[in-house]
Every structure is written in structure tokens, then in C-alpha cells.
Amino acid sequence: MMQNKKVTIIGLGLIGGSLAKALRERLNISDITVVNRSIEPVNQAIKEGIVSRGYTEVNQYVYNSDIIFICTPVKYAINYILAIADKVKKDCIITDVGSTKLEIVEYINGMQNAPLFIGGHPMAGAEKTGYSAGLSHLFENAYYILTPTKSSNAEGLDFLTALVKGIGAIPVIMDAEEHDVVTGCISHVPHIVASALVNMVRQLDSPDGKMHLLAAGGFKDITRIASSSPEMWESIILSNKEPIKGILETYVELIESFKSFIEKEDTASVFKYFESARDYRNSFPASKKGLINPLFEIIVDVIDKPGIIGKIATILGDNGINIKNINVSNNREFEQGCLKISLPDSESANFAFDILTDRGYKVYKVN
């Protein structure tokens, strides 16, 4: 009887908004209270019929909830826990959506009368932020990490697991410390490395900006995540600093080893370095979402002539395919065609691939 539960969402941004939409549309939960510092998205959510009511401060509706999602950065989430811990019902489940878990779990474990808390981390996101960018299907096929605490119980964990499945996500129960090492490896340090690559080009570029001019195609793709919010990543990195420092040491050791391969002209080691990375990367599942938002792109091998972009766009548009972006790639050293098309999801990319292939175009998927 999940649809009869009273839910509160604190923080109505991308994740909070997507949760509200998913709970309403997929689980038919109608009693949803939201708390948000800005009232504009709250009013929008009420107008759309997604939530029942909304406020800028916690109140009795929040305290009477069966489950509370805190969708704010960790430091604010802890403040909210402190504010509601002794006011909520004994069996109310409190959970968060933060991308680091150890700090908040240790805080809960250190409380004398801790509320029923289960840490949460949906491994999903989007390029845009805010409630209006929220999607009810954002969590489809995305891993959703659950980190129990000393105050968790089997009933609460079973309920939250079922809810996560109900919104289309894949629940994974994991220790908080292990979670922070995993996310440090596959998300946090890659953001640091991507930013380092961009700063490397900025630092080494010539006064006439040749590197900046040519840094399209592959380089722009592999450093895409460096365009993320500096404010958000400052908070994430500093809240997970110990695992990140250890991971960075391993990364530096790998780079130093590769330098030695070059100095020694050790061809076998250079080959193995690239071969092992290729084979391991190719073993990653393609159908699951991870921490870094995937690209849904196809590349079409066409002659660059007047009207070709319009022709391709018309074919896709006539078949109901929404194009996020379409452009001619000027740096195609490692790409098989010149026309790159970005699409909103994997279904659109597969459909576009099939349609254009059937029309006789050479089309390649970006994996």
C-alpha cells in the first residue's frame, strides 16, 4: 500500500523534483509535501499536480511523514536531521541523496537517539539543474546505493528497497566507507582529472590559441565533465577528501609508471597499458546508468554540403525524434564521420541509428 504513504521531500532541485515526479507518476503516491528555500519551484510543482503542499520551513506535515527524502548537500542535510530527529514518528524513514555517505552515516551513528536513517545515493543526473529539469524516468536503470546505519532496521530497508525498484532504479546495499571509495574512483577523481587536462591545455597553449582552436572532437568529449558546477564539486571533493587522496596517489603512480615506459622505450608495457584499459572498459555494461551522465550520440558519415544538416534533422523530426544538438565535427582524427548528433536518451539514439541506416546513411554509435 505504498500509494497511501505520506512523503516529504526537502530540497526541490533536479533530484528532489525527479523523485516527486517519479513517486507521483510511477507509484501513485499522492500525499507529497515539499520543503524548499525558494517558493517558486514549490508553486510550480503544486500547479502541475505533482505535490500536495509546499513550504520554506519544516513543520507538522513533515513531522507526520512516513518517509522523508533530504535532497540537499551533506552539510545542509545534517542540519535538517538535527531539526527533525526528535519530532518525526518513530517508524518514519529518513534518507538522503548525497554523493558521499560516510560523513552523514558517521553523524547518525554518533547520535544518542538517532532517527531511523538509511543513507541513499541515486546514481543519476542530467545536464540541467532545478525542478523544471526533473524527469519521472531519471532513475530508470540507474543504480541507487543504500547505506544502512545503526538506526536502520530490516523493515525500513525492505520498504526503501521496494520504493527504489518502484521508481525504476536498481538498489544496491553498500557500506558507507566502501561507497565513498567507489564513488571517489569512478566519479570524483575523474572530475579532477578532466579539469586537470583542461587546465593543462590552458597552461600550455600558445598565445594565438591553437590548442583551444583544435580542442574539439575527442578532447572535448573526454573532458566534458569538467564543465560541471565548481561550487558543487568543491563541496563533494572536500567531503570525501581522505579516499580521494589515496586514489590520486594510485593515479599518480600509474602516470609515473607510464612515463618510465616511455623513457625506457618499453613497447610491450606501453601496448599492455592501452590493451588492458581497452579490454576492461569494453566489459562495462552498456544498459546501466552510472555516476557520470552518459552521452547519447550518433555520428553520420556524410559529405558536408548545403542542406545536409537540414535533411538529416527533417528525417529524424518526421519520426518524432527530439535532437538535443547537431553539429559538424571539425576534429575527426578518431571519429568515423563528420555529423555528430546528440539525443536525449538511449532509445532515441537507437531509433535514430536504425532510421538513418535504413535510409542508406553510414551511422556509428558513440560508446
Protein backbone atom coordinates (compact mmCIF):
# COMPACT_ATOMS: atom_id res chain seq x y z
CA MET A 1 0.00 0.00 0.00
CA MET A 2 2.83 2.36 -0.89
CA GLN A 3 0.44 4.85 -2.51
CA ASN A 4 -1.01 5.63 0.95
CA LYS A 5 2.29 6.72 2.44
CA LYS A 6 2.93 10.34 3.42
CA VAL A 7 6.17 11.55 1.80
CA THR A 8 8.23 14.69 2.37
CA ILE A 9 10.96 15.88 0.02
CA ILE A 10 13.34 18.52 1.40
CA GLY A 11 15.10 20.28 -1.48
CA LEU A 12 13.21 20.55 -4.74
CA GLY A 13 16.07 20.62 -7.25
CA LEU A 14 16.79 18.15 -10.02
CA ILE A 15 16.89 15.05 -7.81
CA GLY A 16 14.15 16.16 -5.43
CA GLY A 17 11.93 17.21 -8.31
CA SER A 18 12.56 13.97 -10.20
CA LEU A 19 11.78 11.96 -7.07
CA ALA A 20 8.50 13.85 -6.61
CA LYS A 21 7.52 13.19 -10.22
CA ALA A 22 8.55 9.53 -10.07
CA LEU A 23 6.70 8.89 -6.80
CA ARG A 24 3.58 10.59 -8.12
CA GLU A 25 3.53 9.11 -11.63
CA ARG A 26 5.05 5.66 -11.06
CA LEU A 27 3.90 4.75 -7.55
CA ASN A 28 0.72 6.84 -7.43
CA ILE A 29 1.75 8.46 -4.14
CA SER A 30 -0.50 11.49 -3.78
CA ASP A 31 0.41 12.90 -0.35
CA ILE A 32 3.73 14.62 -1.06
CA THR A 33 4.96 17.58 1.00
CA VAL A 34 7.97 19.58 -0.14
CA VAL A 35 10.26 21.99 1.68
CA ASN A 36 12.45 24.32 -0.35
CA ARG A 37 14.21 27.60 0.37
CA SER A 38 12.77 29.16 -2.78
CA ILE A 39 8.99 29.10 -3.15
CA GLU A 40 8.86 29.36 -6.99
CA PRO A 41 9.57 25.70 -7.78
CA VAL A 42 7.21 24.69 -4.98
CA ASN A 43 4.38 26.65 -6.57
CA GLN A 44 5.20 25.13 -9.96
CA ALA A 45 5.10 21.59 -8.54
CA ILE A 46 1.75 22.27 -6.85
CA LYS A 47 0.33 23.77 -10.05
CA GLU A 48 1.41 20.69 -12.01
CA GLY A 49 -0.30 18.42 -9.50
CA ILE A 50 2.96 16.70 -8.56
CA VAL A 51 2.98 17.65 -4.87
CA SER A 52 0.21 18.30 -2.37
CA ARG A 53 1.70 21.23 -0.49
CA GLY A 54 4.98 23.07 -0.04
CA TYR A 55 6.77 25.30 2.47
CA THR A 56 10.06 27.07 3.02
CA GLU A 57 10.48 25.61 6.54
CA VAL A 58 9.87 22.22 8.15
CA ASN A 59 6.57 21.90 10.02
CA GLN A 60 3.94 19.44 11.28
CA TYR A 61 3.33 17.97 7.84
CA VAL A 62 6.99 16.99 7.71
CA TYR A 63 6.96 15.50 11.21
CA ASN A 64 3.91 13.39 10.31
CA SER A 65 5.61 11.80 7.25
CA ASP A 66 6.22 8.10 6.72
CA ILE A 67 9.37 8.77 4.71
CA ILE A 68 11.49 11.91 4.31
CA PHE A 69 13.96 12.43 1.44
CA ILE A 70 16.59 15.08 2.18
CA CYS A 71 17.80 16.24 -1.23
CA THR A 72 20.40 18.82 -0.22
CA PRO A 73 24.21 18.89 0.12
CA VAL A 74 25.51 16.89 3.10
CA LYS A 75 26.17 19.86 5.38
CA TYR A 76 22.58 21.07 4.99
CA ALA A 77 21.20 17.53 5.27
CA ILE A 78 22.81 17.15 8.69
CA ASN A 79 21.21 20.41 9.81
CA TYR A 80 17.79 19.17 8.70
CA ILE A 81 18.30 15.84 10.50
CA LEU A 82 19.14 17.73 13.67
CA ALA A 83 16.00 19.84 13.28
CA ILE A 84 13.56 16.95 12.78
CA ALA A 85 15.16 13.98 14.57
CA ASP A 86 13.14 14.21 17.81
CA LYS A 87 9.91 15.36 16.13
CA VAL A 88 9.22 12.70 13.49
CA LYS A 89 7.29 9.46 14.06
CA LYS A 90 9.33 6.58 15.47
CA ASP A 91 8.92 4.49 12.31
CA CYS A 92 9.49 7.37 9.87
CA ILE A 93 12.32 6.58 7.44
CA ILE A 94 14.73 9.46 6.84
CA THR A 95 17.05 9.16 3.85
CA ASP A 96 19.25 11.47 1.78
CA VAL A 97 20.58 11.53 -1.79
CA GLY A 98 24.12 12.82 -1.23
CA SER A 99 27.03 11.63 -3.37
CA THR A 100 29.19 10.99 -0.27
CA LYS A 101 27.93 8.79 2.53
CA LEU A 102 30.50 8.29 5.31
CA GLU A 103 30.19 11.77 6.81
CA ILE A 104 26.42 11.64 7.24
CA VAL A 105 26.38 7.97 8.33
CA GLU A 106 29.03 8.65 11.00
CA TYR A 107 26.97 11.62 12.18
CA ILE A 108 23.88 9.40 12.57
CA ASN A 109 25.90 6.65 14.28
CA GLY A 110 27.20 9.23 16.75
CA MET A 111 23.74 10.41 17.82
CA GLN A 112 22.37 9.14 21.15
CA ASN A 113 18.76 8.91 19.94
CA ALA A 114 19.21 8.61 16.21
CA PRO A 115 16.13 8.56 13.97
CA LEU A 116 15.55 5.66 11.56
CA PHE A 117 18.03 6.70 8.87
CA ILE A 118 19.17 4.91 5.72
CA GLY A 119 21.67 6.71 3.51
CA GLY A 120 20.83 6.92 -0.18
CA HIS A 121 22.61 7.87 -3.38
CA PRO A 122 20.81 7.66 -6.74
CA MET A 123 23.49 7.42 -9.42
CA ALA A 124 21.61 9.58 -11.89
CA GLY A 125 21.65 13.16 -13.05
CA ALA A 126 21.20 15.47 -16.00
CA GLU A 127 22.98 18.34 -17.69
CA LYS A 128 20.47 20.88 -16.40
CA THR A 129 19.57 21.54 -12.78
CA GLY A 130 16.50 22.65 -10.87
CA TYR A 131 12.96 21.35 -10.51
CA SER A 132 11.97 22.16 -14.09
CA ALA A 133 14.73 19.83 -15.37
CA GLY A 134 13.39 16.94 -13.28
CA LEU A 135 12.16 13.79 -15.02
CA SER A 136 9.98 10.98 -13.69
CA HIS A 137 12.17 8.48 -15.58
CA LEU A 138 15.50 9.92 -14.39
CA PHE A 139 16.19 6.86 -12.23
CA GLU A 140 15.39 4.19 -14.81
CA ASN A 141 18.16 1.56 -14.88
CA ALA A 142 20.28 3.71 -12.56
CA TYR A 143 21.99 2.16 -9.56
CA TYR A 144 20.61 3.52 -6.28
CA ILE A 145 23.01 2.95 -3.37
CA LEU A 146 21.56 2.36 0.10
CA THR A 147 23.86 2.64 3.13
CA PRO A 148 22.40 1.38 6.43
CA THR A 149 23.25 2.95 9.80
CA LYS A 150 23.00 1.77 13.41
CA SER A 151 19.40 3.05 13.47
CA SER A 152 18.31 1.22 10.31
CA ASN A 153 16.05 -1.82 10.57
CA ALA A 154 15.06 -4.63 8.21
CA GLU A 155 11.53 -3.30 7.68
CA GLY A 156 12.77 0.15 6.72
CA LEU A 157 15.44 -1.24 4.39
CA ASP A 158 12.92 -3.56 2.72
CA PHE A 159 10.47 -0.70 2.23
CA LEU A 160 13.07 1.67 0.77
CA THR A 161 14.39 -1.11 -1.49
CA ALA A 162 10.89 -1.69 -2.85
CA LEU A 163 10.38 2.05 -3.38
CA VAL A 164 13.67 2.34 -5.27
CA LYS A 165 12.63 -0.52 -7.53
CA GLY A 166 9.24 1.12 -7.97
CA ILE A 167 10.78 4.25 -9.50
CA GLY A 168 12.77 2.12 -11.95
CA ALA A 169 16.16 2.14 -10.22
CA ILE A 170 18.42 -0.75 -9.18
CA PRO A 171 19.02 -0.87 -5.40
CA VAL A 172 22.49 -1.79 -4.17
CA ILE A 173 23.17 -2.09 -0.42
CA MET A 174 26.68 -0.97 0.45
CA ASP A 175 28.77 0.08 3.43
CA ALA A 176 29.24 3.87 3.59
CA GLU A 177 33.05 3.72 3.66
CA GLU A 178 33.15 1.40 0.65
CA HIS A 179 30.67 3.67 -1.16
CA ASP A 180 32.93 6.70 -0.77
CA VAL A 181 35.95 4.82 -2.14
CA VAL A 182 33.92 3.56 -5.09
CA THR A 183 32.48 6.98 -5.96
CA GLY A 184 35.89 8.55 -5.42
CA CYS A 185 37.31 6.20 -8.07
CA ILE A 186 34.57 6.33 -10.69
CA SER A 187 33.32 9.90 -10.28
CA HIS A 188 35.22 12.27 -8.02
CA VAL A 189 38.79 11.68 -9.24
CA PRO A 190 37.67 11.56 -12.92
CA HIS A 191 36.26 15.07 -12.44
CA ILE A 192 39.62 16.17 -11.01
CA VAL A 193 41.48 14.54 -13.92
CA ALA A 194 39.19 16.07 -16.55
CA SER A 195 39.73 19.51 -15.04
CA ALA A 196 43.49 18.86 -14.92
CA LEU A 197 43.51 18.04 -18.65
CA VAL A 198 41.65 21.23 -19.47
CA ASN A 199 43.96 23.28 -17.26
CA MET A 200 46.95 21.56 -18.91
CA VAL A 201 45.83 22.76 -22.35
CA ARG A 202 45.10 26.23 -20.99
CA GLN A 203 48.55 26.40 -19.43
CA LEU A 204 50.48 25.01 -22.43
CA ASP A 205 48.53 26.76 -25.17
CA SER A 206 50.33 29.23 -27.41
CA PRO A 207 49.41 32.94 -27.37
CA ASP A 208 47.43 32.52 -30.61
CA GLY A 209 45.29 29.78 -29.01
CA LYS A 210 46.00 26.92 -31.42
CA MET A 211 45.22 24.27 -28.78
CA HIS A 212 41.97 25.96 -27.89
CA LEU A 213 41.01 26.02 -31.57
CA LEU A 214 41.78 22.35 -32.14
CA ALA A 215 40.47 21.00 -28.82
CA ALA A 216 37.23 19.80 -30.32
CA GLY A 217 36.10 16.26 -31.05
CA GLY A 218 37.63 13.67 -28.76
CA PHE A 219 39.34 16.05 -26.35
CA LYS A 220 36.15 17.96 -25.69
CA ASP A 221 34.26 14.70 -25.18
CA ILE A 222 36.68 13.17 -22.66
CA THR A 223 36.79 16.42 -20.66
CA ARG A 224 33.03 17.02 -20.81
CA ILE A 225 32.59 16.58 -17.07
CA ALA A 226 34.99 19.47 -16.41
CA SER A 227 32.04 21.73 -17.28
CA SER A 228 30.28 20.72 -14.05
CA SER A 229 29.44 23.21 -11.29
CA PRO A 230 32.61 24.33 -9.40
CA GLU A 231 30.54 25.05 -6.28
CA MET A 232 29.06 21.56 -6.21
CA TRP A 233 32.38 19.84 -6.82
CA GLU A 234 34.20 21.87 -4.19
CA SER A 235 31.69 20.54 -1.64
CA ILE A 236 31.84 16.94 -2.89
CA ILE A 237 35.64 16.74 -3.03
CA LEU A 238 36.18 18.17 0.44
CA SER A 239 33.54 15.88 1.97
CA ASN A 240 35.39 12.84 0.57
CA LYS A 241 38.95 14.05 0.89
CA GLU A 242 40.60 11.01 2.54
CA PRO A 243 39.56 8.40 -0.08
CA ILE A 244 40.29 10.87 -2.87
CA LYS A 245 43.84 11.50 -1.64
CA GLY A 246 44.57 7.77 -1.67
CA ILE A 247 43.03 7.29 -5.12
CA LEU A 248 45.04 10.22 -6.51
CA GLU A 249 48.23 8.62 -5.20
CA THR A 250 47.40 5.47 -7.18
CA TYR A 251 46.62 7.56 -10.26
CA VAL A 252 49.94 9.43 -9.99
CA GLU A 253 51.77 6.09 -9.66
CA LEU A 254 50.14 4.90 -12.90
CA ILE A 255 51.21 8.07 -14.71
CA GLU A 256 54.74 7.81 -13.32
CA SER A 257 54.93 4.19 -14.48
CA PHE A 258 53.82 5.17 -17.95
CA LYS A 259 56.49 7.90 -18.02
CA SER A 260 59.09 5.25 -17.26
CA PHE A 261 57.76 3.08 -20.10
CA ILE A 262 58.33 5.98 -22.48
CA GLU A 263 61.81 6.74 -21.14
CA LYS A 264 62.85 3.09 -21.50
CA GLU A 265 61.05 2.71 -24.86
CA ASP A 266 59.33 -0.29 -23.31
CA THR A 267 56.99 -1.06 -26.19
CA ALA A 268 55.47 -4.15 -24.56
CA SER A 269 54.44 -2.21 -21.45
CA VAL A 270 53.03 0.68 -23.47
CA PHE A 271 50.97 -1.77 -25.52
CA LYS A 272 49.74 -3.61 -22.42
CA TYR A 273 48.82 -0.32 -20.73
CA PHE A 274 46.42 0.56 -23.55
CA GLU A 275 45.28 -3.03 -24.15
CA SER A 276 44.26 -3.68 -20.53
CA ALA A 277 42.39 -0.37 -20.35
CA ARG A 278 40.56 -1.09 -23.61
CA ASP A 279 39.54 -4.60 -22.57
CA TYR A 280 38.39 -3.56 -19.11
CA ARG A 281 36.42 -0.58 -20.44
CA ASN A 282 34.74 -2.75 -23.07
CA SER A 283 33.49 -5.02 -20.29
CA PHE A 284 31.41 -2.25 -18.70
CA PRO A 285 27.63 -2.81 -19.08
CA ALA A 286 26.08 -0.50 -21.67
CA SER A 287 22.49 -0.62 -20.40
CA LYS A 288 23.03 0.73 -16.88
CA LYS A 289 23.42 4.32 -15.76
CA GLY A 290 26.45 5.32 -13.71
CA LEU A 291 27.62 8.34 -11.76
CA ILE A 292 28.75 10.26 -14.83
CA ASN A 293 25.93 11.12 -17.19
CA PRO A 294 26.24 9.13 -20.41
CA LEU A 295 26.37 10.59 -23.89
CA PHE A 296 23.64 9.54 -26.29
CA GLU A 297 25.21 10.34 -29.64
CA ILE A 298 25.42 9.02 -33.15
CA ILE A 299 27.84 10.08 -35.87
CA VAL A 300 26.74 10.17 -39.51
CA ASP A 301 29.29 9.89 -42.29
CA VAL A 302 28.06 12.38 -44.90
CA ILE A 303 29.56 14.83 -47.35
CA ASP A 304 29.48 18.33 -45.91
CA LYS A 305 27.28 20.14 -48.41
CA PRO A 306 24.48 22.73 -48.22
CA GLY A 307 21.26 21.34 -46.81
CA ILE A 308 22.65 18.09 -45.38
CA ILE A 309 22.09 19.08 -41.73
CA GLY A 310 18.54 20.17 -42.51
CA LYS A 311 17.87 16.95 -44.40
CA ILE A 312 19.05 14.73 -41.54
CA ALA A 313 17.18 16.83 -38.98
CA THR A 314 13.98 16.62 -41.03
CA ILE A 315 14.19 12.83 -41.28
CA LEU A 316 14.59 12.49 -37.52
CA GLY A 317 11.97 15.13 -36.74
CA ASP A 318 9.41 13.50 -39.02
CA ASN A 319 9.89 10.32 -37.00
CA GLY A 320 9.31 12.07 -33.68
CA ILE A 321 12.94 12.10 -32.56
CA ASN A 322 13.98 15.10 -30.48
CA ILE A 323 17.51 16.33 -31.29
CA LYS A 324 19.42 17.97 -28.42
CA ASN A 325 22.30 19.14 -30.60
CA ILE A 326 23.63 18.63 -34.12
CA ASN A 327 26.91 19.91 -35.48
CA VAL A 328 29.78 19.26 -37.87
CA SER A 329 32.87 17.93 -36.08
CA ASN A 330 36.00 19.71 -37.31
CA ASN A 331 38.43 17.45 -35.48
CA ARG A 332 37.72 13.88 -36.63
CA GLU A 333 41.06 12.19 -36.01
CA PHE A 334 39.41 9.39 -34.00
CA GLU A 335 35.85 9.60 -35.35
CA GLN A 336 34.24 7.93 -38.36
CA GLY A 337 32.02 10.72 -39.66
CA CYS A 338 31.56 14.45 -39.64
CA LEU A 339 27.98 14.96 -38.41
CA LYS A 340 27.57 14.47 -34.68
CA ILE A 341 24.03 14.27 -33.29
CA SER A 342 23.22 14.36 -29.56
CA LEU A 343 19.96 12.77 -28.43
CA PRO A 344 18.10 12.74 -25.10
CA ASP A 345 18.24 9.01 -24.30
CA SER A 346 19.40 5.59 -25.48
CA GLU A 347 16.04 4.76 -27.07
CA SER A 348 16.22 7.88 -29.26
CA ALA A 349 19.82 7.11 -30.23
CA ASN A 350 18.96 3.53 -31.23
CA PHE A 351 15.86 4.66 -33.15
CA ALA A 352 17.80 7.37 -34.99
CA PHE A 353 20.55 4.88 -35.81
CA ASP A 354 18.03 2.44 -37.32
CA ILE A 355 16.13 5.10 -39.30
CA LEU A 356 19.22 6.67 -40.87
CA THR A 357 20.81 3.28 -41.55
CA ASP A 358 17.63 2.19 -43.34
CA ARG A 359 17.88 5.35 -45.45
CA GLY A 360 21.35 4.28 -46.62
CA TYR A 361 23.49 6.52 -44.41
CA LYS A 362 26.63 5.24 -42.68
CA VAL A 363 25.89 5.72 -39.00
CA TYR A 364 28.07 4.98 -35.94
CA LYS A 365 27.11 4.79 -32.28
CA VAL A 366 29.25 6.55 -29.70
CA ASN A 367 30.04 4.03 -26.94
